[in-house]
Amino acid sequence: MAYIGLDIGGTNTKGVLLTDGSLRASYSVPTQYGAQGVIASAKQVVEHLVNESGLELAEIAGIGAGIPGVVELETGQVTHAVNLGITEPLALAAALTQQLEIPVVVDNDLNIAALGAAQFFPNPTGQPVDLAFLSLGTGVAAGYVFDGVVRRGAGVVGEVGHIPIDPTGPLCNCGQRGCLELYCSGSALDRLWSAEGSIPGPQALFNAAAAGDADAIARRDAYLAAIAIGVKNLVLAVGPRLVVIGGGVVRLGDRLLDGVQQALRELAASSAFLQSLDLPDRVALAPADIPVAAIGAATLAQQYLASAA
């Protein structure tokens, strides 16, 4: 069976085509702004993937799509996707189903990213491990997969970036002070250090810290400590076996992972309770060069449409 997954972002719309769970084709285009632009971008990616794979549209069993904003899974309606120019409710699943004549299911982008990440971290039985996907991007948010299924709450869920960690800290856009995302988002990291020529700021910061720059070391370690707090809070709140960090920061690779693990050790040093949780062994990085969210969208299509049949 062939399924297509779409990750519709504010910059690009990424797509993958899976056959029997294996990646057969991938493609990306700049996302067009506004409701009709989003639909056109998604359709363009789907048609390219089908043509590239040598299949016909009729051979695609279903399409999954992830998009930022508030999404009703049952209806495929999207609201508040303001960074895409969607200011009014958009029946995205229905619109794509009508144009492509293929069943479409739509979910929030964090949910599909978590589902995609779960495919890369199986437990000893070969099934996806229970995990939280901690996205460090413009903001900070999380998605959850337990028993291979996305866990959803009532109303707001996963907005861990707006859990204050310093009530006397800076004012957040949400109106609270000292929210987690002010300290460990990708945006926060970008603000810590200036780019050096062609070297992005985050890479330059870690380079300078490795070279012994005291200011860089202090800023890097404060950033890593904030991530560690986010990981600890997720483990304490929802109990995942693994917290997978995603977002552009994963391009820092082992320097980021090793630093977060060390920060978790320091966080637990004075607490036998925290030490018992083995926090450093419960964190991992999402694959940096794999369209994890698009793969999650295709997986969602397979799960959801099979259960609805």
C-alpha atoms as a PDB file:
ATOM      1  CA  MET A   1       0.000   0.000   0.000  1.00  0.00           C
ATOM      2  CA  ALA A   2       1.198   3.521  -0.802  1.00  0.00           C
ATOM      3  CA  TYR A   3       0.651   6.533   1.451  1.00  0.00           C
ATOM      4  CA  ILE A   4       1.750  10.148   1.153  1.00  0.00           C
ATOM      5  CA  GLY A   5       2.699  12.357   4.085  1.00  0.00           C
ATOM      6  CA  LEU A   6       2.843  16.168   4.010  1.00  0.00           C
ATOM      7  CA  ASP A   7       4.530  18.504   6.471  1.00  0.00           C
ATOM      8  CA  ILE A   8       3.054  21.930   5.715  1.00  0.00           C
ATOM      9  CA  GLY A   9       5.239  24.598   7.308  1.00  0.00           C
ATOM     10  CA  GLY A  10       5.481  28.334   7.164  1.00  0.00           C
ATOM     11  CA  THR A  11       8.494  28.142   4.849  1.00  0.00           C
ATOM     12  CA  ASN A  12       8.258  24.836   2.980  1.00  0.00           C
ATOM     13  CA  THR A  13       5.816  22.027   2.307  1.00  0.00           C
ATOM     14  CA  LYS A  14       7.673  18.720   2.502  1.00  0.00           C
ATOM     15  CA  GLY A  15       6.252  15.433   1.284  1.00  0.00           C
ATOM     16  CA  VAL A  16       7.144  11.754   1.256  1.00  0.00           C
ATOM     17  CA  LEU A  17       5.663   8.730  -0.458  1.00  0.00           C
ATOM     18  CA  LEU A  18       5.849   5.455   1.469  1.00  0.00           C
ATOM     19  CA  THR A  19       5.147   2.024   0.023  1.00  0.00           C
ATOM     20  CA  ASP A  20       4.786  -0.768   2.566  1.00  0.00           C
ATOM     21  CA  GLY A  21       6.409   1.522   5.117  1.00  0.00           C
ATOM     22  CA  SER A  22       9.526   2.238   3.047  1.00  0.00           C
ATOM     23  CA  LEU A  23      10.479   5.690   1.754  1.00  0.00           C
ATOM     24  CA  ARG A  24      10.082   5.705  -2.024  1.00  0.00           C
ATOM     25  CA  ALA A  25      10.180   9.415  -2.867  1.00  0.00           C
ATOM     26  CA  SER A  26      10.462  12.821  -1.214  1.00  0.00           C
ATOM     27  CA  TYR A  27       9.918  16.372  -2.431  1.00  0.00           C
ATOM     28  CA  SER A  28       9.687  19.906  -1.067  1.00  0.00           C
ATOM     29  CA  VAL A  29       8.376  23.244  -2.364  1.00  0.00           C
ATOM     30  CA  PRO A  30       8.082  26.719  -0.824  1.00  0.00           C
ATOM     31  CA  THR A  31       4.712  27.060   0.887  1.00  0.00           C
ATOM     32  CA  GLN A  32       2.404  29.562  -0.766  1.00  0.00           C
ATOM     33  CA  TYR A  33       0.699  31.991   1.609  1.00  0.00           C
ATOM     34  CA  GLY A  34      -3.011  31.912   2.412  1.00  0.00           C
ATOM     35  CA  ALA A  35      -5.631  29.172   2.340  1.00  0.00           C
ATOM     36  CA  GLN A  36      -5.617  28.651  -1.409  1.00  0.00           C
ATOM     37  CA  GLY A  37      -1.826  28.846  -1.481  1.00  0.00           C
ATOM     38  CA  VAL A  38      -1.517  26.115   1.154  1.00  0.00           C
ATOM     39  CA  ILE A  39      -3.878  23.886  -0.818  1.00  0.00           C
ATOM     40  CA  ALA A  40      -1.985  24.540  -4.057  1.00  0.00           C
ATOM     41  CA  SER A  41       1.383  23.780  -2.424  1.00  0.00           C
ATOM     42  CA  ALA A  42       0.104  20.519  -0.997  1.00  0.00           C
ATOM     43  CA  LYS A  43      -1.401  19.462  -4.312  1.00  0.00           C
ATOM     44  CA  GLN A  44       1.837  20.291  -6.143  1.00  0.00           C
ATOM     45  CA  VAL A  45       3.874  18.080  -3.799  1.00  0.00           C
ATOM     46  CA  VAL A  46       1.421  15.180  -4.049  1.00  0.00           C
ATOM     47  CA  GLU A  47       1.342  15.255  -7.834  1.00  0.00           C
ATOM     48  CA  HIS A  48       5.143  15.429  -8.066  1.00  0.00           C
ATOM     49  CA  LEU A  49       5.581  12.477  -5.693  1.00  0.00           C
ATOM     50  CA  VAL A  50       3.120  10.375  -7.663  1.00  0.00           C
ATOM     51  CA  ASN A  51       4.794  11.191 -10.971  1.00  0.00           C
ATOM     52  CA  GLU A  52       8.288  10.601  -9.597  1.00  0.00           C
ATOM     53  CA  SER A  53       7.338   7.202  -8.183  1.00  0.00           C
ATOM     54  CA  GLY A  54       5.696   6.032 -11.395  1.00  0.00           C
ATOM     55  CA  LEU A  55       2.380   5.419  -9.676  1.00  0.00           C
ATOM     56  CA  GLU A  56      -1.101   6.700 -10.450  1.00  0.00           C
ATOM     57  CA  LEU A  57      -3.129   8.838  -8.065  1.00  0.00           C
ATOM     58  CA  ALA A  58      -5.616   5.985  -7.800  1.00  0.00           C
ATOM     59  CA  GLU A  59      -2.856   3.789  -6.323  1.00  0.00           C
ATOM     60  CA  ILE A  60      -2.412   6.088  -3.299  1.00  0.00           C
ATOM     61  CA  ALA A  61      -4.407   4.678  -0.382  1.00  0.00           C
ATOM     62  CA  GLY A  62      -4.399   7.890   1.633  1.00  0.00           C
ATOM     63  CA  ILE A  63      -2.689  11.181   2.454  1.00  0.00           C
ATOM     64  CA  GLY A  64      -1.769  12.564   5.854  1.00  0.00           C
ATOM     65  CA  ALA A  65      -0.894  16.200   6.443  1.00  0.00           C
ATOM     66  CA  GLY A  66       0.502  18.077   9.410  1.00  0.00           C
ATOM     67  CA  ILE A  67       0.050  21.803   9.778  1.00  0.00           C
ATOM     68  CA  PRO A  68       0.669  24.348  12.552  1.00  0.00           C
ATOM     69  CA  GLY A  69      -2.468  25.673  14.171  1.00  0.00           C
ATOM     70  CA  VAL A  70      -5.542  24.233  15.834  1.00  0.00           C
ATOM     71  CA  VAL A  71      -6.729  21.138  13.958  1.00  0.00           C
ATOM     72  CA  GLU A  72      -9.872  19.037  14.414  1.00  0.00           C
ATOM     73  CA  LEU A  73      -8.714  15.557  13.509  1.00  0.00           C
ATOM     74  CA  GLU A  74     -12.211  14.238  12.867  1.00  0.00           C
ATOM     75  CA  THR A  75     -13.138  16.970  10.379  1.00  0.00           C
ATOM     76  CA  GLY A  76      -9.746  18.077   9.095  1.00  0.00           C
ATOM     77  CA  GLN A  77     -10.610  21.725   9.808  1.00  0.00           C
ATOM     78  CA  VAL A  78      -7.717  24.099  10.522  1.00  0.00           C
ATOM     79  CA  THR A  79      -7.923  27.364  12.453  1.00  0.00           C
ATOM     80  CA  HIS A  80      -5.405  29.882  13.798  1.00  0.00           C
ATOM     81  CA  ALA A  81      -2.622  28.880  11.381  1.00  0.00           C
ATOM     82  CA  VAL A  82      -1.699  32.555  11.246  1.00  0.00           C
ATOM     83  CA  ASN A  83       1.887  32.084  10.094  1.00  0.00           C
ATOM     84  CA  LEU A  84       0.443  30.498   6.943  1.00  0.00           C
ATOM     85  CA  GLY A  85      -2.075  33.287   6.410  1.00  0.00           C
ATOM     86  CA  ILE A  86      -5.024  31.113   7.445  1.00  0.00           C
ATOM     87  CA  THR A  87      -7.172  33.442   9.540  1.00  0.00           C
ATOM     88  CA  GLU A  88     -10.548  31.827   8.909  1.00  0.00           C
ATOM     89  CA  PRO A  89     -11.517  28.161   9.431  1.00  0.00           C
ATOM     90  CA  LEU A  90     -10.239  26.047   6.533  1.00  0.00           C
ATOM     91  CA  ALA A  91     -11.637  22.590   5.769  1.00  0.00           C
ATOM     92  CA  LEU A  92      -8.253  21.420   4.520  1.00  0.00           C
ATOM     93  CA  ALA A  93      -8.921  17.684   4.485  1.00  0.00           C
ATOM     94  CA  ALA A  94     -12.143  18.124   2.524  1.00  0.00           C
ATOM     95  CA  ALA A  95     -10.535  20.529   0.037  1.00  0.00           C
ATOM     96  CA  LEU A  96      -7.605  18.216  -0.702  1.00  0.00           C
ATOM     97  CA  THR A  97      -9.829  15.142  -0.843  1.00  0.00           C
ATOM     98  CA  GLN A  98     -12.038  16.852  -3.394  1.00  0.00           C
ATOM     99  CA  GLN A  99      -9.163  18.015  -5.598  1.00  0.00           C
ATOM    100  CA  LEU A 100      -7.103  14.817  -5.463  1.00  0.00           C
ATOM    101  CA  GLU A 101      -9.898  12.265  -5.026  1.00  0.00           C
ATOM    102  CA  ILE A 102      -7.846  10.546  -2.321  1.00  0.00           C
ATOM    103  CA  PRO A 103      -8.819  10.279   1.395  1.00  0.00           C
ATOM    104  CA  VAL A 104      -6.963  12.925   3.427  1.00  0.00           C
ATOM    105  CA  VAL A 105      -6.487  13.229   7.196  1.00  0.00           C
ATOM    106  CA  VAL A 106      -5.028  16.365   8.809  1.00  0.00           C
ATOM    107  CA  ASP A 107      -3.433  16.806  12.235  1.00  0.00           C
ATOM    108  CA  ASN A 108      -1.317  19.305  14.135  1.00  0.00           C
ATOM    109  CA  ASP A 109       2.325  19.413  13.055  1.00  0.00           C
ATOM    110  CA  LEU A 110       3.674  18.465  16.494  1.00  0.00           C
ATOM    111  CA  ASN A 111       1.531  15.335  16.597  1.00  0.00           C
ATOM    112  CA  ILE A 112       2.788  14.087  13.254  1.00  0.00           C
ATOM    113  CA  ALA A 113       6.379  14.944  14.150  1.00  0.00           C
ATOM    114  CA  ALA A 114       6.084  12.857  17.306  1.00  0.00           C
ATOM    115  CA  LEU A 115       4.544   9.984  15.358  1.00  0.00           C
ATOM    116  CA  GLY A 116       7.303  10.192  12.767  1.00  0.00           C
ATOM    117  CA  ALA A 117      10.053  10.268  15.391  1.00  0.00           C
ATOM    118  CA  ALA A 118       8.551   7.184  17.030  1.00  0.00           C
ATOM    119  CA  GLN A 119       9.262   5.169  13.880  1.00  0.00           C
ATOM    120  CA  PHE A 120      13.010   5.636  14.438  1.00  0.00           C
ATOM    121  CA  PHE A 121      13.106   4.559  18.083  1.00  0.00           C
ATOM    122  CA  PRO A 122      11.648   1.057  18.437  1.00  0.00           C
ATOM    123  CA  ASN A 123      11.608  -0.769  21.757  1.00  0.00           C
ATOM    124  CA  PRO A 124      13.001  -4.334  22.047  1.00  0.00           C
ATOM    125  CA  THR A 125       9.780  -5.782  20.602  1.00  0.00           C
ATOM    126  CA  GLY A 126      10.174  -3.684  17.443  1.00  0.00           C
ATOM    127  CA  GLN A 127       7.230  -1.431  18.282  1.00  0.00           C
ATOM    128  CA  PRO A 128       7.653   2.358  18.678  1.00  0.00           C
ATOM    129  CA  VAL A 129       8.850   3.347  22.131  1.00  0.00           C
ATOM    130  CA  ASP A 130       6.646   5.623  24.261  1.00  0.00           C
ATOM    131  CA  LEU A 131       8.056   9.095  23.676  1.00  0.00           C
ATOM    132  CA  ALA A 132       7.625  12.829  23.897  1.00  0.00           C
ATOM    133  CA  PHE A 133       8.847  14.897  20.947  1.00  0.00           C
ATOM    134  CA  LEU A 134      10.263  18.192  22.222  1.00  0.00           C
ATOM    135  CA  SER A 135      10.371  20.709  19.374  1.00  0.00           C
ATOM    136  CA  LEU A 136      12.844  23.560  19.817  1.00  0.00           C
ATOM    137  CA  GLY A 137      11.966  25.998  17.057  1.00  0.00           C
ATOM    138  CA  THR A 138      10.597  29.522  17.054  1.00  0.00           C
ATOM    139  CA  GLY A 139       8.847  28.409  20.225  1.00  0.00           C
ATOM    140  CA  VAL A 140       8.849  25.227  22.294  1.00  0.00           C
ATOM    141  CA  ALA A 141       6.122  22.585  22.222  1.00  0.00           C
ATOM    142  CA  ALA A 142       5.734  18.839  22.579  1.00  0.00           C
ATOM    143  CA  GLY A 143       3.844  15.959  21.045  1.00  0.00           C
ATOM    144  CA  TYR A 144       3.296  12.542  22.618  1.00  0.00           C
ATOM    145  CA  VAL A 145       3.136   8.997  21.255  1.00  0.00           C
ATOM    146  CA  PHE A 146       2.250   6.108  23.558  1.00  0.00           C
ATOM    147  CA  ASP A 147       1.667   2.543  22.349  1.00  0.00           C
ATOM    148  CA  GLY A 148       2.367   3.800  18.837  1.00  0.00           C
ATOM    149  CA  VAL A 149      -0.580   6.237  18.940  1.00  0.00           C
ATOM    150  CA  VAL A 150      -0.621  10.024  19.269  1.00  0.00           C
ATOM    151  CA  ARG A 151      -2.036  11.147  22.601  1.00  0.00           C
ATOM    152  CA  ARG A 152      -4.312  14.161  22.457  1.00  0.00           C
ATOM    153  CA  GLY A 153      -5.783  16.240  25.243  1.00  0.00           C
ATOM    154  CA  ALA A 154      -8.823  18.440  25.688  1.00  0.00           C
ATOM    155  CA  GLY A 155      -8.015  21.867  24.284  1.00  0.00           C
ATOM    156  CA  VAL A 156      -4.393  22.972  24.639  1.00  0.00           C
ATOM    157  CA  VAL A 157      -1.886  20.121  24.928  1.00  0.00           C
ATOM    158  CA  GLY A 158       1.877  20.048  24.618  1.00  0.00           C
ATOM    159  CA  GLU A 159       2.430  23.794  25.083  1.00  0.00           C
ATOM    160  CA  VAL A 160       5.290  23.102  27.463  1.00  0.00           C
ATOM    161  CA  GLY A 161       7.131  26.182  26.248  1.00  0.00           C
ATOM    162  CA  HIS A 162       4.677  28.255  28.254  1.00  0.00           C
ATOM    163  CA  ILE A 163       5.437  26.582  31.566  1.00  0.00           C
ATOM    164  CA  PRO A 164       7.274  29.271  33.562  1.00  0.00           C
ATOM    165  CA  ILE A 165      10.622  28.215  34.978  1.00  0.00           C
ATOM    166  CA  ASP A 166      11.416  31.654  36.413  1.00  0.00           C
ATOM    167  CA  PRO A 167       8.377  33.684  37.525  1.00  0.00           C
ATOM    168  CA  THR A 168      10.583  36.778  37.820  1.00  0.00           C
ATOM    169  CA  GLY A 169      12.028  36.326  34.317  1.00  0.00           C
ATOM    170  CA  PRO A 170      11.342  38.248  31.095  1.00  0.00           C
ATOM    171  CA  LEU A 171       7.819  38.790  29.830  1.00  0.00           C
ATOM    172  CA  CYS A 172       6.693  36.152  27.341  1.00  0.00           C
ATOM    173  CA  ASN A 173       4.348  36.800  24.414  1.00  0.00           C
ATOM    174  CA  CYS A 174       1.760  34.650  26.199  1.00  0.00           C
ATOM    175  CA  GLY A 175       1.604  37.198  29.053  1.00  0.00           C
ATOM    176  CA  GLN A 176       3.462  35.134  31.630  1.00  0.00           C
ATOM    177  CA  ARG A 177       7.022  35.641  32.825  1.00  0.00           C
ATOM    178  CA  GLY A 178      10.010  33.355  32.527  1.00  0.00           C
ATOM    179  CA  CYS A 179       8.465  30.770  30.202  1.00  0.00           C
ATOM    180  CA  LEU A 180      10.650  27.846  29.156  1.00  0.00           C
ATOM    181  CA  GLU A 181      10.725  28.856  25.483  1.00  0.00           C
ATOM    182  CA  LEU A 182      12.409  32.139  26.354  1.00  0.00           C
ATOM    183  CA  TYR A 183      15.468  30.134  27.392  1.00  0.00           C
ATOM    184  CA  CYS A 184      15.693  27.008  25.213  1.00  0.00           C
ATOM    185  CA  SER A 185      13.884  27.610  21.918  1.00  0.00           C
ATOM    186  CA  GLY A 186      15.793  27.724  18.651  1.00  0.00           C
ATOM    187  CA  SER A 187      15.035  31.437  18.604  1.00  0.00           C
ATOM    188  CA  ALA A 188      16.591  31.854  22.047  1.00  0.00           C
ATOM    189  CA  LEU A 189      19.717  30.058  20.857  1.00  0.00           C
ATOM    190  CA  ASP A 190      19.971  32.304  17.797  1.00  0.00           C
ATOM    191  CA  ARG A 191      19.925  35.348  20.086  1.00  0.00           C
ATOM    192  CA  LEU A 192      22.797  34.101  22.233  1.00  0.00           C
ATOM    193  CA  TRP A 193      25.619  34.495  19.715  1.00  0.00           C
ATOM    194  CA  SER A 194      26.188  36.225  16.396  1.00  0.00           C
ATOM    195  CA  ALA A 195      27.033  34.356  13.227  1.00  0.00           C
ATOM    196  CA  GLU A 196      30.691  34.377  12.256  1.00  0.00           C
ATOM    197  CA  GLY A 197      30.895  34.675   8.484  1.00  0.00           C
ATOM    198  CA  SER A 198      29.222  31.626   7.009  1.00  0.00           C
ATOM    199  CA  ILE A 199      29.033  29.889  10.407  1.00  0.00           C
ATOM    200  CA  PRO A 200      25.542  30.206  11.970  1.00  0.00           C
ATOM    201  CA  GLY A 201      25.296  31.659  15.456  1.00  0.00           C
ATOM    202  CA  PRO A 202      24.528  28.343  17.248  1.00  0.00           C
ATOM    203  CA  GLN A 203      27.515  26.622  15.657  1.00  0.00           C
ATOM    204  CA  ALA A 204      29.712  29.623  16.404  1.00  0.00           C
ATOM    205  CA  LEU A 205      28.603  29.632  20.058  1.00  0.00           C
ATOM    206  CA  PHE A 206      29.455  25.963  20.554  1.00  0.00           C
ATOM    207  CA  ASN A 207      32.748  26.431  18.707  1.00  0.00           C
ATOM    208  CA  ALA A 208      33.704  29.343  20.944  1.00  0.00           C
ATOM    209  CA  ALA A 209      32.736  27.412  24.071  1.00  0.00           C
ATOM    210  CA  ALA A 210      34.827  24.432  22.959  1.00  0.00           C
ATOM    211  CA  ALA A 211      37.740  26.821  22.446  1.00  0.00           C
ATOM    212  CA  GLY A 212      37.460  27.988  26.056  1.00  0.00           C
ATOM    213  CA  ASP A 213      35.696  31.356  25.681  1.00  0.00           C
ATOM    214  CA  ALA A 214      34.263  31.952  29.178  1.00  0.00           C
ATOM    215  CA  ASP A 215      31.302  34.010  27.972  1.00  0.00           C
ATOM    216  CA  ALA A 216      30.404  31.390  25.354  1.00  0.00           C
ATOM    217  CA  ILE A 217      30.683  28.602  27.929  1.00  0.00           C
ATOM    218  CA  ALA A 218      28.304  30.424  30.290  1.00  0.00           C
ATOM    219  CA  ARG A 219      25.735  31.076  27.566  1.00  0.00           C
ATOM    220  CA  ARG A 220      25.963  27.562  26.140  1.00  0.00           C
ATOM    221  CA  ASP A 221      25.604  25.939  29.550  1.00  0.00           C
ATOM    222  CA  ALA A 222      22.605  28.113  30.474  1.00  0.00           C
ATOM    223  CA  TYR A 223      20.926  27.062  27.225  1.00  0.00           C
ATOM    224  CA  LEU A 224      21.633  23.379  27.839  1.00  0.00           C
ATOM    225  CA  ALA A 225      20.382  23.673  31.426  1.00  0.00           C
ATOM    226  CA  ALA A 226      17.072  25.073  30.199  1.00  0.00           C
ATOM    227  CA  ILE A 227      16.633  22.160  27.793  1.00  0.00           C
ATOM    228  CA  ALA A 228      17.402  19.799  30.675  1.00  0.00           C
ATOM    229  CA  ILE A 229      14.624  21.391  32.716  1.00  0.00           C
ATOM    230  CA  GLY A 230      12.230  20.856  29.810  1.00  0.00           C
ATOM    231  CA  VAL A 231      13.228  17.188  29.520  1.00  0.00           C
ATOM    232  CA  LYS A 232      12.882  16.665  33.268  1.00  0.00           C
ATOM    233  CA  ASN A 233       9.426  18.278  33.310  1.00  0.00           C
ATOM    234  CA  LEU A 234       8.202  16.080  30.443  1.00  0.00           C
ATOM    235  CA  VAL A 235       9.422  12.910  32.159  1.00  0.00           C
ATOM    236  CA  LEU A 236       7.803  13.929  35.444  1.00  0.00           C
ATOM    237  CA  ALA A 237       4.530  14.994  33.809  1.00  0.00           C
ATOM    238  CA  VAL A 238       3.798  12.266  31.264  1.00  0.00           C
ATOM    239  CA  GLY A 239       6.404   9.546  31.836  1.00  0.00           C
ATOM    240  CA  PRO A 240       7.767   8.844  28.343  1.00  0.00           C
ATOM    241  CA  ARG A 241      10.546   6.311  28.019  1.00  0.00           C
ATOM    242  CA  LEU A 242      12.283   8.744  25.689  1.00  0.00           C
ATOM    243  CA  VAL A 243      12.285  12.490  25.052  1.00  0.00           C
ATOM    244  CA  VAL A 244      13.297  13.152  21.442  1.00  0.00           C
ATOM    245  CA  ILE A 245      14.566  16.658  20.741  1.00  0.00           C
ATOM    246  CA  GLY A 246      13.684  18.062  17.329  1.00  0.00           C
ATOM    247  CA  GLY A 247      14.022  21.321  15.440  1.00  0.00           C
ATOM    248  CA  GLY A 248      16.921  23.027  13.722  1.00  0.00           C
ATOM    249  CA  VAL A 249      19.077  22.766  16.854  1.00  0.00           C
ATOM    250  CA  VAL A 250      19.621  19.034  16.222  1.00  0.00           C
ATOM    251  CA  ARG A 251      22.154  20.015  13.545  1.00  0.00           C
ATOM    252  CA  LEU A 252      24.521  20.624  16.460  1.00  0.00           C
ATOM    253  CA  GLY A 253      24.609  16.848  16.775  1.00  0.00           C
ATOM    254  CA  ASP A 254      26.477  15.110  19.575  1.00  0.00           C
ATOM    255  CA  ARG A 255      27.634  18.420  21.045  1.00  0.00           C
ATOM    256  CA  LEU A 256      24.010  19.203  21.849  1.00  0.00           C
ATOM    257  CA  LEU A 257      23.089  15.714  23.021  1.00  0.00           C
ATOM    258  CA  ASP A 258      26.182  15.291  25.184  1.00  0.00           C
ATOM    259  CA  GLY A 259      25.626  18.747  26.668  1.00  0.00           C
ATOM    260  CA  VAL A 260      21.983  18.080  27.539  1.00  0.00           C
ATOM    261  CA  GLN A 261      22.889  14.740  29.096  1.00  0.00           C
ATOM    262  CA  GLN A 262      25.564  16.402  31.228  1.00  0.00           C
ATOM    263  CA  ALA A 263      23.109  19.120  32.254  1.00  0.00           C
ATOM    264  CA  LEU A 264      20.648  16.399  33.294  1.00  0.00           C
ATOM    265  CA  ARG A 265      23.330  14.741  35.421  1.00  0.00           C
ATOM    266  CA  GLU A 266      24.040  18.058  37.140  1.00  0.00           C
ATOM    267  CA  LEU A 267      20.313  18.683  37.602  1.00  0.00           C
ATOM    268  CA  ALA A 268      19.917  15.332  39.354  1.00  0.00           C
ATOM    269  CA  ALA A 269      23.167  15.472  41.341  1.00  0.00           C
ATOM    270  CA  SER A 270      21.510  16.552  44.610  1.00  0.00           C
ATOM    271  CA  SER A 271      18.351  14.443  44.219  1.00  0.00           C
ATOM    272  CA  ALA A 272      18.327  10.671  44.663  1.00  0.00           C
ATOM    273  CA  PHE A 273      14.786  10.740  43.281  1.00  0.00           C
ATOM    274  CA  LEU A 274      15.853  12.362  39.993  1.00  0.00           C
ATOM    275  CA  GLN A 275      18.882  10.093  39.770  1.00  0.00           C
ATOM    276  CA  SER A 276      16.551   7.092  39.928  1.00  0.00           C
ATOM    277  CA  LEU A 277      14.819   8.282  36.737  1.00  0.00           C
ATOM    278  CA  ASP A 278      17.967   7.827  34.582  1.00  0.00           C
ATOM    279  CA  LEU A 279      17.238  11.125  32.828  1.00  0.00           C
ATOM    280  CA  PRO A 280      20.431  11.252  30.680  1.00  0.00           C
ATOM    281  CA  ASP A 281      19.529   7.895  29.114  1.00  0.00           C
ATOM    282  CA  ARG A 282      16.007   9.082  28.299  1.00  0.00           C
ATOM    283  CA  VAL A 283      16.932  11.800  25.804  1.00  0.00           C
ATOM    284  CA  ALA A 284      17.789  11.526  22.101  1.00  0.00           C
ATOM    285  CA  LEU A 285      17.975  13.717  19.004  1.00  0.00           C
ATOM    286  CA  ALA A 286      15.621  13.381  16.046  1.00  0.00           C
ATOM    287  CA  PRO A 287      17.375  12.452  12.774  1.00  0.00           C
ATOM    288  CA  ALA A 288      18.681  15.726  11.343  1.00  0.00           C
ATOM    289  CA  ASP A 289      18.369  15.037   7.615  1.00  0.00           C
ATOM    290  CA  ILE A 290      15.207  12.916   7.445  1.00  0.00           C
ATOM    291  CA  PRO A 291      11.707  14.423   6.922  1.00  0.00           C
ATOM    292  CA  VAL A 292      10.460  12.992  10.207  1.00  0.00           C
ATOM    293  CA  ALA A 293       7.215  14.971  10.304  1.00  0.00           C
ATOM    294  CA  ALA A 294       6.221  14.034   6.745  1.00  0.00           C
ATOM    295  CA  ILE A 295       6.896  10.379   7.554  1.00  0.00           C
ATOM    296  CA  GLY A 296       4.697  10.786  10.619  1.00  0.00           C
ATOM    297  CA  ALA A 297       1.919  12.232   8.465  1.00  0.00           C
ATOM    298  CA  ALA A 298       2.038   9.215   6.152  1.00  0.00           C
ATOM    299  CA  THR A 299       1.987   6.931   9.197  1.00  0.00           C
ATOM    300  CA  LEU A 300      -1.036   8.799  10.556  1.00  0.00           C
ATOM    301  CA  ALA A 301      -2.857   8.337   7.249  1.00  0.00           C
ATOM    302  CA  GLN A 302      -2.241   4.613   7.371  1.00  0.00           C
ATOM    303  CA  GLN A 303      -3.347   4.319  11.012  1.00  0.00           C
ATOM    304  CA  TYR A 304      -6.355   6.618  10.841  1.00  0.00           C
ATOM    305  CA  LEU A 305      -7.778   5.628   7.498  1.00  0.00           C
ATOM    306  CA  ALA A 306      -7.359   1.917   8.226  1.00  0.00           C
ATOM    307  CA  SER A 307      -9.238   2.296  11.521  1.00  0.00           C
ATOM    308  CA  ALA A 308     -11.993   4.323   9.823  1.00  0.00           C
ATOM    309  CA  ALA A 309     -12.516   1.755   7.065  1.00  0.00           C
END
